[in-house]
Protein backbone atom coordinates (compact mmCIF):
# COMPACT_ATOMS: atom_id res chain seq x y z
CA MET A 1 -103.57 -79.38 116.97
CA VAL A 2 -103.35 -78.28 113.39
CA GLN A 3 -99.92 -77.05 112.28
CA GLN A 4 -99.98 -74.23 109.72
CA LEU A 5 -98.00 -74.93 106.54
CA ALA A 6 -95.14 -72.57 105.90
CA PRO A 7 -95.42 -70.84 102.50
CA ASP A 8 -91.69 -71.32 101.91
CA ASN A 9 -92.24 -75.08 101.73
CA LEU A 10 -94.79 -74.84 98.94
CA GLY A 11 -94.24 -74.71 95.19
CA SER A 12 -95.47 -71.59 93.42
CA GLY A 13 -98.16 -73.63 91.61
CA GLN A 14 -99.50 -75.17 94.83
CA GLN A 15 -99.14 -72.26 97.24
CA GLY A 16 -102.44 -70.56 96.39
CA HIS A 17 -104.38 -73.81 96.46
CA ASN A 18 -102.98 -74.98 99.80
CA ARG A 19 -103.35 -71.53 101.31
CA MET A 20 -107.10 -71.71 100.60
CA LEU A 21 -107.25 -74.98 102.57
CA ASP A 22 -105.17 -73.53 105.46
CA VAL A 23 -107.03 -73.26 108.77
CA HIS A 24 -106.00 -70.63 111.36
CA PRO A 25 -107.28 -71.51 114.86
CA PRO A 26 -106.91 -69.06 117.74
CA HIS A 27 -103.33 -68.81 119.00
CA HIS A 28 -104.10 -68.84 122.74
CA PRO A 29 -103.95 -72.29 124.38
CA ALA A 30 -107.08 -74.26 125.13
CA ASN A 31 -107.66 -73.90 128.91
CA SER A 32 -110.83 -75.98 129.08
CA TRP A 33 -112.79 -78.63 127.23
CA ARG A 34 -115.05 -75.87 125.99
CA ASP A 35 -112.10 -74.05 124.40
CA PHE A 36 -110.87 -77.33 122.94
CA PHE A 37 -114.21 -78.08 121.26
CA VAL A 38 -114.42 -74.48 120.03
CA HIS A 39 -111.03 -74.94 118.41
CA ILE A 40 -112.12 -78.23 116.82
CA ALA A 41 -115.35 -76.68 115.58
CA THR A 42 -113.41 -73.77 114.11
CA ILE A 43 -111.13 -76.14 112.22
CA VAL A 44 -114.01 -78.29 110.94
CA ILE A 45 -116.06 -75.30 109.81
CA GLY A 46 -113.01 -73.78 108.13
CA LEU A 47 -112.29 -76.99 106.26
CA LEU A 48 -115.91 -77.33 105.17
CA ILE A 49 -115.94 -73.78 103.87
CA ALA A 50 -112.64 -74.28 102.05
CA VAL A 51 -113.77 -77.57 100.46
CA GLY A 52 -117.11 -76.05 99.53
CA LEU A 53 -115.43 -73.08 97.85
CA GLU A 54 -113.08 -75.37 95.96
CA GLN A 55 -115.93 -77.56 94.74
CA THR A 56 -117.89 -74.47 93.70
CA VAL A 57 -114.96 -73.21 91.64
CA GLU A 58 -114.59 -76.64 90.01
CA ALA A 59 -118.31 -76.85 89.26
CA VAL A 60 -118.26 -73.42 87.61
CA HIS A 61 -115.22 -74.44 85.56
CA HIS A 62 -116.88 -77.70 84.50
CA ARG A 63 -120.04 -75.91 83.40
CA LYS A 64 -117.92 -73.56 81.34
CA GLN A 65 -116.15 -76.50 79.70
CA VAL A 66 -119.49 -78.13 78.82
CA ARG A 67 -120.86 -74.88 77.37
CA GLU A 68 -117.75 -74.45 75.22
CA PHE A 69 -117.97 -78.06 74.05
CA GLU A 70 -121.66 -77.74 73.16
CA ALA A 71 -120.98 -74.53 71.21
CA GLN A 72 -118.14 -76.20 69.30
CA MET A 73 -120.27 -79.24 68.48
CA HIS A 74 -123.12 -77.04 67.29
CA GLU A 75 -120.80 -75.22 64.88
CA VAL A 76 -119.15 -78.43 63.68
CA LEU A 77 -122.47 -80.21 63.06
CA GLU A 78 -123.78 -77.27 61.06
CA ASN A 79 -120.66 -77.39 58.87
CA ASP A 80 -120.87 -81.18 58.65
CA ARG A 81 -124.38 -80.92 57.20
CA LEU A 82 -122.98 -78.77 54.40
CA PHE A 83 -120.21 -81.30 53.79
CA THR A 84 -122.61 -84.25 53.69
CA ALA A 85 -124.92 -82.42 51.27
CA ASN A 86 -122.00 -81.76 48.91
CA ASP A 87 -120.76 -85.35 49.17
CA ILE A 88 -124.21 -86.78 48.47
CA GLU A 89 -124.51 -84.64 45.34
CA SER A 90 -121.04 -85.74 44.21
CA PHE A 91 -121.98 -89.40 44.72
CA ARG A 92 -125.22 -88.96 42.81
CA ALA A 93 -123.31 -87.57 39.85
CA GLY A 94 -120.69 -90.30 40.15
CA ARG A 95 -123.36 -92.98 40.40
CA ALA A 96 -124.98 -91.76 37.20
CA TRP A 97 -121.59 -92.06 35.48
CA LEU A 98 -121.08 -95.59 36.81
CA VAL A 99 -124.57 -96.63 35.69
CA ASP A 100 -123.92 -95.25 32.18
CA LEU A 101 -120.61 -97.11 32.09
CA GLN A 102 -122.25 -100.32 33.31
CA LEU A 103 -124.99 -100.11 30.65
CA ALA A 104 -122.36 -99.54 27.96
CA ILE A 105 -120.43 -102.60 29.13
CA ILE A 106 -123.55 -104.78 29.17
CA THR A 107 -124.50 -103.63 25.66
CA ARG A 108 -121.00 -104.35 24.36
CA ARG A 109 -121.07 -107.82 25.90
CA GLN A 110 -124.32 -108.46 24.04
CA GLY A 111 -122.51 -107.72 20.78
CA LYS A 112 -124.23 -104.41 20.18
CA ALA A 113 -122.61 -101.07 19.48
CA ALA A 114 -123.06 -98.64 22.34
CA PRO A 115 -121.47 -95.29 23.14
CA GLN A 116 -119.64 -95.19 26.45
CA PRO A 117 -119.27 -92.21 28.81
CA ALA A 118 -116.45 -89.83 28.05
CA LEU A 119 -113.09 -91.12 29.21
CA ASP A 120 -112.64 -87.99 31.36
CA ASP A 121 -116.26 -87.48 32.42
CA PRO A 122 -116.38 -84.79 35.19
CA ARG A 123 -119.09 -86.76 37.00
CA ALA A 124 -116.44 -89.31 37.98
CA ALA A 125 -114.40 -86.92 40.14
CA PHE A 126 -115.83 -88.12 43.51
CA PRO A 127 -114.44 -85.15 45.52
CA LEU A 128 -115.07 -86.48 49.03
CA THR A 129 -115.07 -84.06 51.96
CA LEU A 130 -116.67 -86.16 54.73
CA PRO A 131 -117.87 -84.72 58.05
CA ASN A 132 -115.76 -84.62 61.19
CA LEU A 133 -116.37 -84.65 64.94
CA ALA A 134 -113.13 -83.04 66.10
CA PRO A 135 -114.55 -81.47 69.31
CA TYR A 136 -115.97 -84.81 70.42
CA GLU A 137 -112.68 -86.58 69.71
CA ALA A 138 -110.85 -83.92 71.77
CA ALA A 139 -113.44 -84.17 74.57
CA LYS A 140 -112.83 -87.92 74.82
CA GLN A 141 -109.13 -87.25 75.23
CA ASN A 142 -109.34 -84.44 77.80
CA GLY A 143 -112.19 -85.94 79.83
CA VAL A 144 -114.89 -83.37 79.08
CA VAL A 145 -117.28 -86.12 77.93
CA ALA A 146 -117.36 -87.33 81.55
CA LEU A 147 -118.98 -83.99 82.47
CA LEU A 148 -121.93 -84.51 80.10
CA ASP A 149 -125.21 -85.82 81.40
CA THR A 150 -126.17 -89.33 80.31
CA HIS A 151 -128.68 -88.25 77.68
CA ARG A 152 -126.25 -85.88 75.93
CA LEU A 153 -123.48 -88.45 76.07
CA ARG A 154 -125.68 -91.08 74.41
CA LEU A 155 -126.63 -88.65 71.62
CA PHE A 156 -123.02 -87.86 70.80
CA ASN A 157 -122.00 -91.51 71.09
CA ARG A 158 -124.71 -92.38 68.56
CA ILE A 159 -123.50 -89.91 65.94
CA ASP A 160 -119.87 -90.81 66.69
CA LEU A 161 -120.68 -94.46 65.91
CA GLN A 162 -122.27 -93.44 62.62
CA HIS A 163 -119.22 -91.30 61.85
CA ASP A 164 -116.88 -94.27 62.36
CA LEU A 165 -119.01 -96.47 60.10
CA LEU A 166 -119.06 -93.74 57.46
CA ARG A 167 -115.29 -93.46 57.42
CA LYS A 168 -114.89 -97.24 57.04
CA ASP A 169 -117.39 -97.34 54.18
CA ALA A 170 -115.72 -94.37 52.48
CA LEU A 171 -112.35 -96.13 52.63
CA ALA A 172 -113.92 -99.28 51.22
CA PHE A 173 -115.38 -97.23 48.36
CA LEU A 174 -112.00 -95.68 47.57
CA ASP A 175 -110.44 -99.15 47.63
CA SER A 176 -113.04 -100.30 45.08
CA LEU A 177 -111.83 -97.64 42.64
CA LEU A 178 -108.31 -99.05 42.47
CA PRO A 179 -109.20 -102.25 40.54
CA LEU A 180 -111.06 -100.10 37.99
CA THR A 181 -107.90 -98.11 37.42
CA ALA A 182 -105.74 -101.24 37.35
CA LEU A 183 -107.88 -102.77 34.60
CA ARG A 184 -107.83 -99.57 32.55
CA MET A 185 -104.05 -99.30 32.91
CA ARG A 186 -103.60 -102.60 31.06
CA ASN A 187 -104.10 -100.52 27.90
CA ASP A 188 -103.55 -97.00 29.27
CA LEU A 189 -100.65 -96.39 31.64
CA GLU A 190 -101.72 -92.92 32.77
CA PRO A 191 -102.64 -93.15 36.50
CA ASP A 192 -105.75 -91.73 38.12
CA LYS A 193 -105.50 -89.07 40.82
CA PHE A 194 -108.16 -89.75 43.43
CA LEU A 195 -109.62 -87.03 45.66
CA SER A 196 -108.58 -84.31 43.22
CA SER A 197 -110.37 -82.21 40.67
CA ARG A 198 -109.43 -84.76 38.01
CA PRO A 199 -112.11 -87.42 37.44
CA LEU A 200 -111.62 -91.17 37.41
CA ARG A 201 -110.81 -92.24 33.85
CA ALA A 202 -112.92 -94.92 32.22
CA ALA A 203 -111.37 -97.73 30.26
CA ASP A 204 -111.79 -97.68 26.50
CA LEU A 205 -114.33 -100.46 26.05
CA GLY A 206 -113.29 -100.96 22.43
CA LYS A 207 -109.88 -102.16 23.59
CA LEU A 208 -111.16 -104.72 26.10
CA SER A 209 -111.60 -108.42 25.40
CA SER A 210 -114.84 -110.22 26.25
CA ILE A 211 -113.21 -111.58 29.40
CA GLU A 212 -112.02 -108.11 30.41
CA LEU A 213 -115.49 -106.68 29.74
CA ALA A 214 -117.00 -109.23 32.12
CA GLU A 215 -114.38 -108.40 34.73
CA TYR A 216 -114.92 -104.68 34.23
CA GLN A 217 -118.69 -105.12 34.66
CA ALA A 218 -118.20 -106.90 37.98
CA LEU A 219 -115.79 -104.21 39.21
CA VAL A 220 -118.20 -101.41 38.29
CA ALA A 221 -121.04 -103.21 40.07
CA ASN A 222 -118.85 -103.55 43.17
CA THR A 223 -118.04 -99.83 43.12
CA LEU A 224 -121.73 -99.00 42.70
CA ALA A 225 -122.59 -101.06 45.77
CA HIS A 226 -119.90 -99.40 47.88
CA GLY A 227 -120.97 -95.96 46.69
CA ASP A 228 -124.59 -96.63 47.63
CA GLN A 229 -123.44 -97.71 51.09
CA VAL A 230 -121.53 -94.45 51.56
CA VAL A 231 -124.56 -92.41 50.48
CA GLY A 232 -126.68 -94.31 53.01
CA ARG A 233 -124.19 -93.53 55.77
CA LEU A 234 -124.03 -89.86 54.74
CA LYS A 235 -127.82 -89.59 54.90
CA LEU A 236 -127.95 -91.17 58.36
CA PHE A 237 -125.17 -88.97 59.68
CA ASP A 238 -126.92 -85.89 58.33
CA ALA A 239 -130.24 -86.95 59.87
CA LEU A 240 -128.62 -87.53 63.28
CA ALA A 241 -126.83 -84.18 63.10
CA ALA A 242 -130.09 -82.45 62.18
CA GLY A 243 -131.85 -84.04 65.16
CA ILE A 244 -129.18 -82.92 67.62
CA LEU A 245 -129.21 -79.39 66.21
CA GLU A 246 -133.00 -79.32 66.49
CA GLY A 247 -132.74 -80.06 70.21
CA VAL A 248 -133.66 -83.73 70.43
CA THR A 249 -132.66 -84.93 73.90
CA ASP A 250 -133.53 -88.65 73.83
CA GLU A 251 -131.47 -91.21 71.94
CA ALA A 252 -134.46 -93.36 70.96
CA GLU A 253 -136.27 -90.30 69.61
CA LEU A 254 -133.13 -89.24 67.73
CA VAL A 255 -132.80 -92.63 66.03
CA SER A 256 -136.51 -92.76 65.22
CA LYS A 257 -136.48 -89.30 63.64
CA ALA A 258 -133.29 -90.10 61.71
CA ARG A 259 -134.82 -93.25 60.24
CA ALA A 260 -138.00 -91.39 59.30
CA LYS A 261 -136.00 -88.59 57.66
CA VAL A 262 -133.86 -90.98 55.62
CA THR A 263 -136.89 -93.03 54.58
CA ALA A 264 -138.66 -89.87 53.39
CA GLU A 265 -135.63 -88.81 51.35
CA ASP A 266 -134.66 -92.26 50.13
CA THR A 267 -135.24 -92.95 46.46
CA GLY A 268 -135.11 -96.73 46.79
CA GLY A 269 -131.38 -97.04 47.43
CA THR A 270 -129.49 -98.16 50.50
CA HIS A 271 -131.06 -98.96 53.86
CA THR A 272 -128.59 -98.72 56.74
CA SER A 273 -129.37 -99.01 60.44
CA PRO A 274 -128.18 -96.10 62.62
């Protein structure tokens, strides 16, 4: 027979849960096989009802968690699109500065006089914001991603992959700025302050030797390449975010629309696969 658990033996946190699973058969003894099977049926039905109620409560809780996650992701992706738009504009301004600096270096190396960009040109600030996927990172830690259906999970995995690639490319771009500063500091010891309102300072081309001009040209070209890669990643991330916000439910469709969007906006720069 089933022995009822005494409440005194239960912890306060478990008492309510175990009480729901408690089964209370009739207290009179079973005098026949019929009574015995009635008792067994009562226990089985009670357990089924208790388990069913518990699973219903869990299902309701899981649906609530998914709704909260989806709402958080919707808000974050909307904000991320604003961040990516600002970063792309910053990179466009910074790229124009780098191109002007590169042309000035090339002209100087050809023995011609050429004005260079201002040493403290505001276009060279590169104030990176970068998007984030904080709710998705938290969902991977607390297990909420396991509650998503396969199609939604693949969509968020796709944009999470692009986010990781973007961060790596952004770090590579920032690393490419350091040699530019190091070369300038051979003649000017004032350091640059990256990720601030103060722009990257250009070297005074008139103080550089022909060898240093060649080195400076290569460094600027390297920074240009890294910057173009970051812009490509930003565009892809923005296109993926736009697709999810628009209600795309299939990963292949999301990627296809993202590629088409980037191609339409691309001005002949970087091509990066999502």
